[in-house]
Amino acid sequence: MRKSISPSPADPQDTLRITAERNLVREFCLELEKRFQAEIEKAKTPVVLDLVRVSLIDSSGIALCVGLLKECQKKNLPLTVEVNPDLDSFFRLLKLNRVFQFVKKEKA
């Protein structure tokens, strides 16, 4: 899984952007969890989790998102999750829109 963690120059405010370019399934989530935690430990700005290119997410992927949210909350950092319309529907079905702040975006 290729990931990108960098400040987003397009955003008016500084953000830590975490981009998942493939599906969030168990074998990728175990590796990403350590990387995400290391980045969150250093973070001092709002965090954006970009899942727009993700078409499949399993329970490990959801757990990764929840873990990221908890780490952000510990540091008082807002977390926004960008999702494509399919993931938006999936997360709403699971009522995770009550937990996360979602922004729906089309795949580029």
N, C-alpha and C. Protein backbone atom coordinates (compact mmCIF):
# COMPACT_ATOMS: atom_id res chain seq x y z
N MET A 1 0.85 -1.17 0.00
CA MET A 1 0.00 0.00 0.00
C MET A 1 0.88 1.23 0.00
N ARG A 2 0.68 2.10 -0.92
CA ARG A 2 1.39 3.35 -0.97
C ARG A 2 0.64 4.36 -0.13
N LYS A 3 1.34 5.09 0.68
CA LYS A 3 0.68 6.09 1.49
C LYS A 3 1.42 7.40 1.37
N SER A 4 0.70 8.44 1.61
CA SER A 4 1.29 9.77 1.55
C SER A 4 0.94 10.47 2.85
N ILE A 5 1.95 10.94 3.54
CA ILE A 5 1.72 11.72 4.74
C ILE A 5 2.49 13.02 4.57
N SER A 6 1.75 14.09 4.42
CA SER A 6 2.41 15.38 4.22
C SER A 6 1.44 16.50 4.50
N PRO A 7 1.96 17.68 4.81
CA PRO A 7 1.07 18.82 4.93
C PRO A 7 0.43 19.10 3.57
N SER A 8 -0.79 19.50 3.58
CA SER A 8 -1.51 19.77 2.34
C SER A 8 -1.36 21.24 1.97
N PRO A 9 -0.58 21.56 0.93
CA PRO A 9 -0.39 22.96 0.58
C PRO A 9 -1.65 23.60 0.02
N ALA A 10 -2.60 22.79 -0.46
CA ALA A 10 -3.82 23.33 -1.04
C ALA A 10 -4.78 23.84 0.03
N ASP A 11 -4.67 23.35 1.24
CA ASP A 11 -5.54 23.78 2.32
C ASP A 11 -5.07 25.10 2.88
N PRO A 12 -6.00 26.01 3.19
CA PRO A 12 -5.59 27.28 3.76
C PRO A 12 -4.94 27.14 5.13
N GLN A 13 -5.39 26.16 5.90
CA GLN A 13 -4.74 25.94 7.19
C GLN A 13 -3.86 24.71 7.07
N ASP A 14 -2.81 24.68 7.84
CA ASP A 14 -1.90 23.54 7.79
C ASP A 14 -2.61 22.31 8.28
N THR A 15 -2.41 21.21 7.58
CA THR A 15 -2.99 19.94 7.99
C THR A 15 -1.97 18.83 7.77
N LEU A 16 -2.14 17.78 8.51
CA LEU A 16 -1.41 16.54 8.24
C LEU A 16 -2.35 15.70 7.40
N ARG A 17 -1.98 15.40 6.17
CA ARG A 17 -2.83 14.63 5.27
C ARG A 17 -2.28 13.21 5.19
N ILE A 18 -3.16 12.25 5.51
CA ILE A 18 -2.82 10.83 5.41
C ILE A 18 -3.69 10.26 4.29
N THR A 19 -3.05 9.78 3.23
CA THR A 19 -3.77 9.29 2.07
C THR A 19 -3.58 7.79 1.91
N ALA A 20 -4.68 7.07 1.83
CA ALA A 20 -4.65 5.64 1.56
C ALA A 20 -5.05 5.46 0.10
N GLU A 21 -4.16 4.90 -0.68
CA GLU A 21 -4.41 4.76 -2.10
C GLU A 21 -4.86 3.36 -2.50
N ARG A 22 -4.97 2.46 -1.53
CA ARG A 22 -5.49 1.11 -1.79
C ARG A 22 -6.44 0.73 -0.67
N ASN A 23 -7.01 -0.43 -0.79
CA ASN A 23 -8.00 -0.90 0.18
C ASN A 23 -7.41 -1.07 1.57
N LEU A 24 -8.21 -0.76 2.58
CA LEU A 24 -7.79 -0.91 3.97
C LEU A 24 -8.26 -2.26 4.49
N VAL A 25 -7.42 -3.25 4.26
CA VAL A 25 -7.69 -4.61 4.72
C VAL A 25 -6.54 -5.04 5.63
N ARG A 26 -6.75 -6.12 6.35
CA ARG A 26 -5.87 -6.53 7.44
C ARG A 26 -4.38 -6.46 7.12
N GLU A 27 -3.95 -7.05 6.03
CA GLU A 27 -2.51 -7.13 5.76
C GLU A 27 -1.86 -5.76 5.58
N PHE A 28 -2.61 -4.77 5.13
CA PHE A 28 -2.06 -3.42 4.98
C PHE A 28 -2.22 -2.60 6.26
N CYS A 29 -3.26 -2.85 6.99
CA CYS A 29 -3.55 -2.06 8.19
C CYS A 29 -2.52 -2.27 9.29
N LEU A 30 -2.01 -3.48 9.42
CA LEU A 30 -1.02 -3.75 10.46
C LEU A 30 0.22 -2.89 10.26
N GLU A 31 0.66 -2.77 9.02
CA GLU A 31 1.83 -1.96 8.69
C GLU A 31 1.53 -0.46 8.85
N LEU A 32 0.37 -0.05 8.36
CA LEU A 32 0.02 1.37 8.40
C LEU A 32 -0.20 1.90 9.80
N GLU A 33 -0.69 1.06 10.69
CA GLU A 33 -0.97 1.51 12.05
C GLU A 33 0.27 2.10 12.71
N LYS A 34 1.40 1.45 12.58
CA LYS A 34 2.64 1.95 13.18
C LYS A 34 3.06 3.27 12.55
N ARG A 35 2.95 3.36 11.24
CA ARG A 35 3.33 4.60 10.56
C ARG A 35 2.42 5.76 10.96
N PHE A 36 1.11 5.48 11.00
CA PHE A 36 0.15 6.53 11.35
C PHE A 36 0.39 7.03 12.76
N GLN A 37 0.64 6.11 13.69
CA GLN A 37 0.87 6.50 15.08
C GLN A 37 2.11 7.38 15.20
N ALA A 38 3.16 7.04 14.46
CA ALA A 38 4.38 7.84 14.50
C ALA A 38 4.11 9.26 14.00
N GLU A 39 3.33 9.39 12.96
CA GLU A 39 3.02 10.71 12.42
C GLU A 39 2.12 11.51 13.37
N ILE A 40 1.14 10.84 13.97
CA ILE A 40 0.23 11.52 14.90
C ILE A 40 0.98 11.99 16.14
N GLU A 41 1.96 11.22 16.60
CA GLU A 41 2.75 11.63 17.77
C GLU A 41 3.42 12.98 17.52
N LYS A 42 3.85 13.24 16.28
CA LYS A 42 4.54 14.50 15.96
C LYS A 42 3.57 15.61 15.56
N ALA A 43 2.33 15.25 15.26
CA ALA A 43 1.37 16.21 14.70
C ALA A 43 1.00 17.30 15.69
N LYS A 44 0.82 18.50 15.12
CA LYS A 44 0.37 19.65 15.90
C LYS A 44 -0.74 20.39 15.15
N THR A 45 -1.17 19.83 14.03
CA THR A 45 -2.18 20.46 13.18
C THR A 45 -3.33 19.48 12.94
N PRO A 46 -4.47 19.97 12.47
CA PRO A 46 -5.59 19.09 12.15
C PRO A 46 -5.16 17.98 11.18
N VAL A 47 -5.85 16.85 11.27
CA VAL A 47 -5.50 15.67 10.47
C VAL A 47 -6.63 15.38 9.49
N VAL A 48 -6.25 15.08 8.25
CA VAL A 48 -7.19 14.66 7.22
C VAL A 48 -6.81 13.25 6.80
N LEU A 49 -7.75 12.31 6.92
CA LEU A 49 -7.56 10.95 6.45
C LEU A 49 -8.28 10.83 5.12
N ASP A 50 -7.53 10.71 4.04
CA ASP A 50 -8.08 10.67 2.68
C ASP A 50 -8.30 9.22 2.28
N LEU A 51 -9.58 8.81 2.23
CA LEU A 51 -9.94 7.45 1.82
C LEU A 51 -10.69 7.45 0.48
N VAL A 52 -10.54 8.51 -0.29
CA VAL A 52 -11.29 8.66 -1.54
C VAL A 52 -10.99 7.53 -2.52
N ARG A 53 -9.75 7.03 -2.55
CA ARG A 53 -9.38 5.97 -3.50
C ARG A 53 -9.63 4.56 -2.95
N VAL A 54 -10.13 4.47 -1.74
CA VAL A 54 -10.38 3.17 -1.11
C VAL A 54 -11.74 2.64 -1.55
N SER A 55 -11.76 1.40 -2.04
CA SER A 55 -13.03 0.81 -2.46
C SER A 55 -13.46 -0.33 -1.54
N LEU A 56 -12.55 -0.81 -0.69
CA LEU A 56 -12.88 -1.90 0.22
C LEU A 56 -12.22 -1.64 1.57
N ILE A 57 -13.00 -1.79 2.61
CA ILE A 57 -12.48 -1.63 3.96
C ILE A 57 -13.08 -2.74 4.82
N ASP A 58 -12.23 -3.44 5.57
CA ASP A 58 -12.73 -4.51 6.43
C ASP A 58 -12.67 -4.04 7.88
N SER A 59 -12.92 -4.95 8.81
CA SER A 59 -12.95 -4.56 10.22
C SER A 59 -11.61 -4.02 10.69
N SER A 60 -10.51 -4.51 10.12
CA SER A 60 -9.19 -3.98 10.48
C SER A 60 -9.05 -2.53 10.02
N GLY A 61 -9.60 -2.22 8.86
CA GLY A 61 -9.56 -0.85 8.36
C GLY A 61 -10.39 0.09 9.22
N ILE A 62 -11.55 -0.39 9.64
CA ILE A 62 -12.39 0.43 10.53
C ILE A 62 -11.67 0.64 11.87
N ALA A 63 -11.05 -0.43 12.38
CA ALA A 63 -10.30 -0.32 13.64
C ALA A 63 -9.14 0.66 13.49
N LEU A 64 -8.49 0.68 12.35
CA LEU A 64 -7.41 1.63 12.10
C LEU A 64 -7.93 3.06 12.15
N CYS A 65 -9.08 3.29 11.53
CA CYS A 65 -9.69 4.63 11.54
C CYS A 65 -10.07 5.04 12.96
N VAL A 66 -10.67 4.14 13.72
CA VAL A 66 -11.06 4.44 15.10
C VAL A 66 -9.82 4.71 15.95
N GLY A 67 -8.78 3.91 15.76
CA GLY A 67 -7.54 4.13 16.50
C GLY A 67 -6.92 5.48 16.19
N LEU A 68 -6.96 5.86 14.92
CA LEU A 68 -6.45 7.17 14.51
C LEU A 68 -7.26 8.29 15.15
N LEU A 69 -8.58 8.11 15.18
CA LEU A 69 -9.44 9.10 15.83
C LEU A 69 -9.10 9.24 17.31
N LYS A 70 -8.91 8.14 18.00
CA LYS A 70 -8.58 8.18 19.43
C LYS A 70 -7.25 8.87 19.68
N GLU A 71 -6.26 8.60 18.82
CA GLU A 71 -4.97 9.26 18.97
C GLU A 71 -5.09 10.77 18.75
N CYS A 72 -5.90 11.15 17.77
CA CYS A 72 -6.13 12.58 17.51
C CYS A 72 -6.84 13.23 18.70
N GLN A 73 -7.82 12.53 19.26
CA GLN A 73 -8.54 13.08 20.40
C GLN A 73 -7.63 13.28 21.61
N LYS A 74 -6.70 12.35 21.81
CA LYS A 74 -5.75 12.49 22.93
C LYS A 74 -4.93 13.77 22.80
N LYS A 75 -4.65 14.16 21.56
CA LYS A 75 -3.84 15.35 21.32
C LYS A 75 -4.68 16.58 21.02
N ASN A 76 -6.00 16.44 21.13
CA ASN A 76 -6.90 17.56 20.83
C ASN A 76 -6.78 18.04 19.39
N LEU A 77 -6.58 17.10 18.47
CA LEU A 77 -6.46 17.43 17.05
C LEU A 77 -7.73 16.99 16.34
N PRO A 78 -8.35 17.87 15.55
CA PRO A 78 -9.52 17.45 14.79
C PRO A 78 -9.12 16.47 13.67
N LEU A 79 -9.98 15.48 13.43
CA LEU A 79 -9.77 14.51 12.35
C LEU A 79 -10.95 14.61 11.40
N THR A 80 -10.65 14.80 10.13
CA THR A 80 -11.66 14.78 9.08
C THR A 80 -11.34 13.61 8.17
N VAL A 81 -12.37 12.85 7.78
CA VAL A 81 -12.18 11.71 6.90
C VAL A 81 -12.84 12.02 5.56
N GLU A 82 -12.04 12.03 4.51
CA GLU A 82 -12.56 12.23 3.16
C GLU A 82 -12.86 10.87 2.56
N VAL A 83 -14.10 10.71 2.07
CA VAL A 83 -14.54 9.42 1.53
C VAL A 83 -15.21 9.60 0.17
N ASN A 84 -15.21 8.53 -0.61
CA ASN A 84 -15.95 8.53 -1.86
C ASN A 84 -17.41 8.19 -1.55
N PRO A 85 -18.32 8.37 -2.50
CA PRO A 85 -19.75 8.12 -2.21
C PRO A 85 -20.06 6.72 -1.70
N ASP A 86 -19.35 5.69 -2.22
CA ASP A 86 -19.61 4.33 -1.76
C ASP A 86 -19.23 4.14 -0.30
N LEU A 87 -18.06 4.63 0.08
CA LEU A 87 -17.63 4.53 1.48
C LEU A 87 -18.52 5.37 2.38
N ASP A 88 -18.95 6.52 1.88
CA ASP A 88 -19.84 7.37 2.66
C ASP A 88 -21.11 6.59 3.02
N SER A 89 -21.69 5.91 2.04
CA SER A 89 -22.90 5.10 2.28
C SER A 89 -22.62 3.98 3.27
N PHE A 90 -21.46 3.33 3.12
CA PHE A 90 -21.09 2.23 4.00
C PHE A 90 -20.93 2.71 5.44
N PHE A 91 -20.20 3.82 5.62
CA PHE A 91 -19.99 4.35 6.97
C PHE A 91 -21.31 4.83 7.59
N ARG A 92 -22.19 5.39 6.77
CA ARG A 92 -23.50 5.83 7.29
C ARG A 92 -24.34 4.62 7.70
N LEU A 93 -24.26 3.53 6.94
CA LEU A 93 -24.98 2.31 7.27
C LEU A 93 -24.53 1.80 8.65
N LEU A 94 -23.25 1.91 8.93
CA LEU A 94 -22.71 1.50 10.23
C LEU A 94 -22.86 2.57 11.30
N LYS A 95 -23.46 3.71 10.92
CA LYS A 95 -23.69 4.85 11.81
C LYS A 95 -22.38 5.46 12.32
N LEU A 96 -21.31 5.30 11.55
CA LEU A 96 -20.04 5.88 11.93
C LEU A 96 -19.99 7.38 11.65
N ASN A 97 -20.99 7.89 10.94
CA ASN A 97 -21.07 9.33 10.73
C ASN A 97 -21.37 10.05 12.04
N ARG A 98 -21.76 9.31 13.06
CA ARG A 98 -21.98 9.90 14.39
C ARG A 98 -20.66 10.06 15.14
N VAL A 99 -19.64 9.33 14.68
CA VAL A 99 -18.34 9.32 15.36
C VAL A 99 -17.32 10.17 14.61
N PHE A 100 -17.33 10.09 13.29
CA PHE A 100 -16.35 10.77 12.45
C PHE A 100 -16.97 11.96 11.74
N GLN A 101 -16.13 12.91 11.41
CA GLN A 101 -16.54 14.01 10.54
C GLN A 101 -16.13 13.61 9.12
N PHE A 102 -17.11 13.35 8.26
CA PHE A 102 -16.86 12.92 6.89
C PHE A 102 -17.04 14.06 5.90
N VAL A 103 -16.23 14.03 4.87
CA VAL A 103 -16.39 14.92 3.72
C VAL A 103 -16.43 14.01 2.51
N LYS A 104 -17.54 14.08 1.77
CA LYS A 104 -17.71 13.20 0.60
C LYS A 104 -17.06 13.86 -0.62
N LYS A 105 -16.21 13.08 -1.31
CA LYS A 105 -15.53 13.56 -2.52
C LYS A 105 -15.59 12.48 -3.58
N GLU A 106 -15.59 12.90 -4.83
CA GLU A 106 -15.55 11.97 -5.95
C GLU A 106 -14.12 11.51 -6.19
N LYS A 107 -13.98 10.25 -6.68
CA LYS A 107 -12.65 9.77 -7.05
C LYS A 107 -12.12 10.59 -8.22
N ALA A 108 -10.83 10.88 -8.15
CA ALA A 108 -10.22 11.69 -9.22
C ALA A 108 -9.82 10.82 -10.39
